[in-house]
Amino acid sequence: MIRALLPGAILTAIFLAAAAVSFVWTPYATDGVSIPDRLQAPSALYWLGTDQMGRDILSMLMVGARTSIAVALVAVGIGMGAGVPLGLWAAARRGSWTDELIMRGNDLVFAFPSLVIAILITAVFGPGAVNAIIAIGIFNIPVFARLTRGAALSLWSREFILSARVAGKGAARISAEHILPNLANLLIVQGTIQFSLGILAEAGLSYVGLGAQPPIPSWGRMLAEAQTFVSLAPHVALMPGLAIVLMVLGLNLLGDGLRDRLDPRLSGERA
C-alpha cells in the first residue's frame, strides 16, 4: 500500500504545487517569443530548454499543468455530480423502467468515446477548454453511475438498510443517509482514477486541436507542435510527454494506494 500511495502522492503534489505556483510566478512569461533562443537545450538559464518559438518549456509546463488539472477536475466533478445521483436512483428503483432507462442511457454514452463526443461538440460550438470539459464530463457520467448502482445494490439487502426501511424512511432518504456515506471511499478512489484519465483525455484533445486554444499553454498542444522538431531538439517533445506520463502515473499510484487503504476487504486480506 505505502509503496504505491507515497510515490503517487509525491508526484501528484509536485504537479499540483507547480500549477498553484504558476498563478503568481513562472521563470519566464509564457507568451514571450525569443527567436534567437529557440530550441535551446536544457541549461542553467533554461532548466528544461526552450521550444521552437524560444519560450521557456518549464514555464509552459507549469501553466499547462494548471490547464490540464482544471479541465480534468471540473470534468470529474460533472461526472460525479450527475452520475452518482443517477446510480443511486437506479439502484433504489431496481428492475423498474427508470433503472432500465438509466442503464441504457449509460450504454449509449459509452458507445461514443470522449474524443468523438468532443468532435461533435466542437462542430457545433467550436474548440476550446470548456468544450473539452463538457466532453470529458459527459463520458464520466456513466462511469460513476454504473459504479454507484452496482455498489448500492449490494447494500440495499443489508440489515441496516432493512432496519431503516422498517423505520419508515423512504428510498431517497435511505440513499442519502445510509447508502451514499458507505460509498464515499469507493467514489474517492474512482474519482482519482478518472482524474488521471481526464488529464490524459485533455492532452489527447489538445493534441488534435480540440482542447485549450492559444495562447493558453496545454501539454497536448505542446506535444503536437513539437513533433516536427524531434530530430533537431528531442527535449521539446520529451518534456511535455514526460509531464503527461508522470502526472498520470502519480494519480494512478495514488488511486491504487487509496484503494488499498480504504477498501476494508483488502485490509482484511493484508491482515
Protein backbone atom coordinates (compact mmCIF):
# COMPACT_ATOMS: atom_id res chain seq x y z
CA MET A 1 0.00 0.00 0.00
CA ILE A 2 2.69 2.52 1.06
CA ARG A 3 4.80 1.61 -1.96
CA ALA A 4 2.02 2.87 -4.23
CA LEU A 5 0.48 5.60 -2.08
CA LEU A 6 3.64 7.51 -1.15
CA PRO A 7 5.23 7.95 -4.61
CA GLY A 8 1.80 8.65 -6.09
CA ALA A 9 1.12 11.34 -3.50
CA ILE A 10 4.57 12.88 -4.05
CA LEU A 11 4.24 13.02 -7.85
CA THR A 12 0.72 14.42 -7.64
CA ALA A 13 1.77 17.01 -5.05
CA ILE A 14 4.64 18.20 -7.26
CA PHE A 15 2.36 18.90 -10.21
CA LEU A 16 -0.33 20.45 -8.03
CA ALA A 17 2.29 22.71 -6.45
CA ALA A 18 3.67 23.68 -9.87
CA ALA A 19 0.18 24.57 -11.07
CA ALA A 20 -0.51 26.62 -7.92
CA VAL A 21 2.81 28.49 -8.14
CA SER A 22 2.17 29.32 -11.80
CA PHE A 23 -0.64 31.65 -10.71
CA VAL A 24 1.89 34.01 -9.13
CA TRP A 25 5.26 33.13 -10.69
CA THR A 26 6.90 31.39 -13.64
CA PRO A 27 10.58 31.59 -14.63
CA TYR A 28 9.63 33.36 -17.87
CA ALA A 29 6.49 34.71 -19.48
CA THR A 30 4.68 32.01 -21.42
CA ASP A 31 3.76 34.44 -24.20
CA GLY A 32 7.29 35.77 -24.61
CA VAL A 33 8.71 34.82 -28.02
CA SER A 34 12.52 34.92 -28.42
CA ILE A 35 13.61 33.59 -31.81
CA PRO A 36 17.36 33.82 -31.03
CA ASP A 37 16.76 31.44 -28.07
CA ARG A 38 14.66 28.89 -29.96
CA LEU A 39 15.33 25.16 -29.44
CA GLN A 40 17.85 25.75 -26.66
CA ALA A 41 18.88 22.60 -24.80
CA PRO A 42 18.34 22.40 -21.03
CA SER A 43 20.82 24.65 -19.25
CA ALA A 44 21.29 26.79 -16.14
CA LEU A 45 19.38 29.59 -17.91
CA TYR A 46 16.55 27.40 -19.23
CA TRP A 47 16.24 24.37 -16.96
CA LEU A 48 14.15 22.35 -19.42
CA GLY A 49 15.21 24.17 -22.57
CA THR A 50 13.14 26.27 -24.97
CA ASP A 51 10.66 25.41 -27.69
CA GLN A 52 10.53 26.32 -31.38
CA MET A 53 9.40 29.87 -30.51
CA GLY A 54 12.06 30.43 -27.87
CA ARG A 55 9.60 30.08 -24.99
CA ASP A 56 10.75 28.55 -21.71
CA ILE A 57 9.46 24.97 -21.56
CA LEU A 58 9.38 24.86 -17.74
CA SER A 59 7.11 27.91 -17.64
CA MET A 60 4.89 26.40 -20.32
CA LEU A 61 4.63 23.13 -18.40
CA MET A 62 3.73 24.91 -15.15
CA VAL A 63 0.87 26.84 -16.75
CA GLY A 64 -0.08 23.78 -18.82
CA ALA A 65 -0.42 21.78 -15.59
CA ARG A 66 -2.91 24.37 -14.40
CA THR A 67 -4.93 23.93 -17.58
CA SER A 68 -4.90 20.13 -17.51
CA ILE A 69 -5.75 19.90 -13.81
CA ALA A 70 -8.59 22.41 -14.10
CA VAL A 71 -10.15 20.64 -17.09
CA ALA A 72 -9.85 17.17 -15.53
CA LEU A 73 -11.07 18.31 -12.10
CA VAL A 74 -14.19 20.04 -13.41
CA ALA A 75 -14.91 17.12 -15.76
CA VAL A 76 -14.70 14.65 -12.87
CA GLY A 77 -16.95 16.94 -10.85
CA ILE A 78 -19.52 16.87 -13.65
CA GLY A 79 -19.32 13.10 -13.93
CA MET A 80 -19.61 12.55 -10.20
CA GLY A 81 -22.27 15.21 -9.67
CA ALA A 82 -24.56 13.71 -12.30
CA GLY A 83 -23.52 10.04 -12.27
CA VAL A 84 -23.75 9.35 -8.53
CA PRO A 85 -27.39 10.54 -8.15
CA LEU A 86 -28.35 8.59 -11.28
CA GLY A 87 -26.70 5.46 -9.92
CA LEU A 88 -28.40 5.84 -6.53
CA TRP A 89 -31.74 6.40 -8.23
CA ALA A 90 -31.31 3.34 -10.47
CA ALA A 91 -30.35 1.16 -7.51
CA ALA A 92 -33.31 2.36 -5.47
CA ARG A 93 -35.64 1.57 -8.39
CA ARG A 94 -34.02 -1.72 -9.37
CA GLY A 95 -35.89 -3.57 -12.10
CA SER A 96 -38.17 -0.63 -12.92
CA TRP A 97 -38.36 1.24 -16.21
CA THR A 98 -36.37 4.06 -14.55
CA ASP A 99 -33.48 1.70 -13.83
CA GLU A 100 -33.63 0.33 -17.37
CA LEU A 101 -33.72 3.81 -18.91
CA ILE A 102 -30.69 5.00 -16.92
CA MET A 103 -28.66 1.90 -17.77
CA ARG A 104 -29.49 2.04 -21.47
CA GLY A 105 -28.60 5.73 -21.48
CA ASN A 106 -25.24 4.81 -19.96
CA ASP A 107 -24.69 2.25 -22.70
CA LEU A 108 -25.45 4.88 -25.31
CA VAL A 109 -22.88 7.31 -23.91
CA PHE A 110 -20.28 4.53 -23.59
CA ALA A 111 -20.73 3.84 -27.31
CA PHE A 112 -19.15 7.22 -28.08
CA PRO A 113 -15.62 7.84 -26.73
CA SER A 114 -14.82 11.27 -25.30
CA LEU A 115 -12.88 12.20 -28.45
CA VAL A 116 -15.92 11.53 -30.65
CA ILE A 117 -18.15 13.49 -28.28
CA ALA A 118 -15.64 16.35 -28.35
CA ILE A 119 -15.65 16.38 -32.14
CA LEU A 120 -19.45 16.56 -32.15
CA ILE A 121 -19.49 19.37 -29.60
CA THR A 122 -16.69 21.23 -31.41
CA ALA A 123 -18.56 21.01 -34.71
CA VAL A 124 -21.41 22.96 -33.11
CA PHE A 125 -19.73 25.28 -30.61
CA GLY A 126 -16.08 25.38 -31.73
CA PRO A 127 -12.90 24.12 -29.99
CA GLY A 128 -11.91 25.23 -26.50
CA ALA A 129 -11.25 24.17 -22.92
CA VAL A 130 -14.93 24.48 -21.96
CA ASN A 131 -15.99 22.07 -24.70
CA ALA A 132 -13.24 19.66 -23.64
CA ILE A 133 -14.60 19.79 -20.10
CA ILE A 134 -18.12 19.05 -21.34
CA ALA A 135 -16.95 16.13 -23.50
CA ILE A 136 -14.86 14.50 -20.75
CA GLY A 137 -17.54 15.22 -18.14
CA ILE A 138 -20.27 13.57 -20.22
CA PHE A 139 -18.11 10.48 -20.64
CA ASN A 140 -17.53 10.34 -16.85
CA ILE A 141 -21.24 10.31 -16.01
CA PRO A 142 -21.93 6.65 -16.95
CA VAL A 143 -18.71 5.56 -15.22
CA PHE A 144 -19.89 6.90 -11.87
CA ALA A 145 -23.49 5.88 -12.50
CA ARG A 146 -22.57 2.24 -13.12
CA LEU A 147 -20.15 2.12 -10.20
CA THR A 148 -22.65 3.70 -7.81
CA ARG A 149 -25.52 1.48 -8.92
CA GLY A 150 -23.51 -1.73 -8.62
CA ALA A 151 -22.18 -0.86 -5.16
CA ALA A 152 -25.53 0.45 -3.93
CA LEU A 153 -27.37 -2.72 -5.00
CA SER A 154 -25.14 -4.77 -2.72
CA LEU A 155 -26.07 -2.50 0.20
CA TRP A 156 -29.84 -2.50 -0.25
CA SER A 157 -30.07 -6.06 1.08
CA ARG A 158 -28.00 -5.33 4.20
CA GLU A 159 -29.63 -5.44 7.61
CA PHE A 160 -29.08 -1.78 8.49
CA ILE A 161 -30.91 -0.78 5.29
CA LEU A 162 -33.78 -3.11 6.10
CA SER A 163 -33.95 -1.53 9.56
CA ALA A 164 -34.11 1.93 8.01
CA ARG A 165 -36.97 0.81 5.75
CA VAL A 166 -38.84 -0.65 8.72
CA ALA A 167 -38.38 2.70 10.49
CA GLY A 168 -40.36 4.29 7.66
CA LYS A 169 -37.56 6.01 5.76
CA GLY A 170 -38.09 6.47 2.03
CA ALA A 171 -35.73 5.42 -0.75
CA ALA A 172 -34.35 8.94 -1.26
CA ARG A 173 -33.59 9.40 2.45
CA ILE A 174 -32.02 5.96 2.75
CA SER A 175 -29.84 6.66 -0.30
CA ALA A 176 -28.66 9.98 1.12
CA GLU A 177 -28.23 8.97 4.77
CA HIS A 178 -27.08 5.35 4.54
CA ILE A 179 -26.08 4.29 1.02
CA LEU A 180 -24.01 7.30 -0.08
CA PRO A 181 -21.81 7.52 3.06
CA ASN A 182 -20.90 3.86 2.63
CA LEU A 183 -19.88 4.52 -0.98
CA ALA A 184 -17.69 7.54 -0.20
CA ASN A 185 -14.40 5.61 -0.11
CA LEU A 186 -15.16 3.86 -3.38
CA LEU A 187 -16.11 7.13 -5.07
CA ILE A 188 -12.92 8.85 -3.85
CA VAL A 189 -10.77 6.12 -5.37
CA GLN A 190 -12.71 6.13 -8.65
CA GLY A 191 -12.56 9.91 -8.73
CA THR A 192 -8.77 9.76 -8.51
CA ILE A 193 -8.62 7.27 -11.36
CA GLN A 194 -10.99 9.32 -13.52
CA PHE A 195 -8.92 12.39 -12.73
CA SER A 196 -5.87 10.72 -14.25
CA LEU A 197 -7.90 9.66 -17.28
CA GLY A 198 -9.17 13.23 -17.56
CA ILE A 199 -5.59 14.53 -17.69
CA LEU A 200 -4.86 12.05 -20.47
CA ALA A 201 -8.07 12.88 -22.33
CA GLU A 202 -7.41 16.63 -22.13
CA ALA A 203 -3.92 16.11 -23.53
CA GLY A 204 -5.34 14.00 -26.36
CA LEU A 205 -8.00 16.55 -27.22
CA SER A 206 -5.46 19.38 -27.17
CA TYR A 207 -3.13 17.30 -29.33
CA VAL A 208 -5.74 17.21 -32.11
CA GLY A 209 -6.67 20.86 -31.60
CA LEU A 210 -9.93 20.41 -29.69
CA GLY A 211 -8.74 21.43 -26.23
CA ALA A 212 -7.47 24.72 -24.81
CA GLN A 213 -6.65 27.19 -27.57
CA PRO A 214 -3.65 29.53 -27.91
CA PRO A 215 -2.32 31.49 -26.13
CA ILE A 216 -3.27 29.19 -23.21
CA PRO A 217 -0.47 26.59 -22.83
CA SER A 218 -1.51 22.94 -22.98
CA TRP A 219 0.61 19.81 -22.67
CA GLY A 220 -1.13 18.10 -25.57
CA ARG A 221 -0.68 21.04 -27.92
CA MET A 222 2.95 21.43 -26.85
CA LEU A 223 3.48 17.81 -27.84
CA ALA A 224 1.71 18.30 -31.18
CA GLU A 225 3.73 21.42 -32.04
CA ALA A 226 7.00 19.73 -31.09
CA GLN A 227 6.63 16.60 -33.23
CA THR A 228 8.27 18.21 -36.29
CA PHE A 229 11.33 19.19 -34.22
CA VAL A 230 12.05 15.84 -32.60
CA SER A 231 15.14 15.19 -34.72
CA LEU A 232 16.54 18.68 -34.07
CA ALA A 233 15.68 19.07 -30.38
CA PRO A 234 14.23 15.93 -28.77
CA HIS A 235 13.68 17.69 -25.44
CA VAL A 236 10.93 19.83 -26.96
CA ALA A 237 8.70 16.76 -27.28
CA LEU A 238 10.21 14.79 -24.41
CA MET A 239 9.39 17.29 -21.67
CA PRO A 240 5.61 17.61 -22.20
CA GLY A 241 5.36 13.88 -22.93
CA LEU A 242 7.19 13.10 -19.69
CA ALA A 243 4.95 15.52 -17.77
CA ILE A 244 1.84 13.72 -19.02
CA VAL A 245 3.27 10.30 -18.17
CA LEU A 246 4.40 11.29 -14.66
CA MET A 247 1.15 13.07 -13.82
CA VAL A 248 -0.99 10.13 -14.94
CA LEU A 249 1.36 7.67 -13.23
CA GLY A 250 1.24 9.64 -9.98
CA LEU A 251 -2.55 9.76 -9.95
CA ASN A 252 -2.86 6.05 -10.79
CA LEU A 253 -0.44 5.13 -7.99
CA LEU A 254 -2.35 7.42 -5.64
CA GLY A 255 -5.62 5.77 -6.65
CA ASP A 256 -4.19 2.28 -6.09
CA GLY A 257 -2.80 3.31 -2.72
CA LEU A 258 -6.09 4.84 -1.63
CA ARG A 259 -7.97 1.75 -2.77
CA ASP A 260 -5.71 -0.49 -0.69
CA ARG A 261 -6.05 1.75 2.35
CA LEU A 262 -9.79 2.48 2.14
CA ASP A 263 -11.16 -0.86 0.95
CA PRO A 264 -11.93 -2.94 4.09
CA ARG A 265 -11.86 -6.17 2.10
CA LEU A 266 -8.26 -5.54 1.03
CA SER A 267 -7.39 -4.52 4.58
CA GLY A 268 -8.70 -7.86 5.76
CA GLU A 269 -6.63 -9.71 3.18
CA ARG A 270 -3.46 -7.90 4.30
CA ALA A 271 -4.21 -8.72 7.92
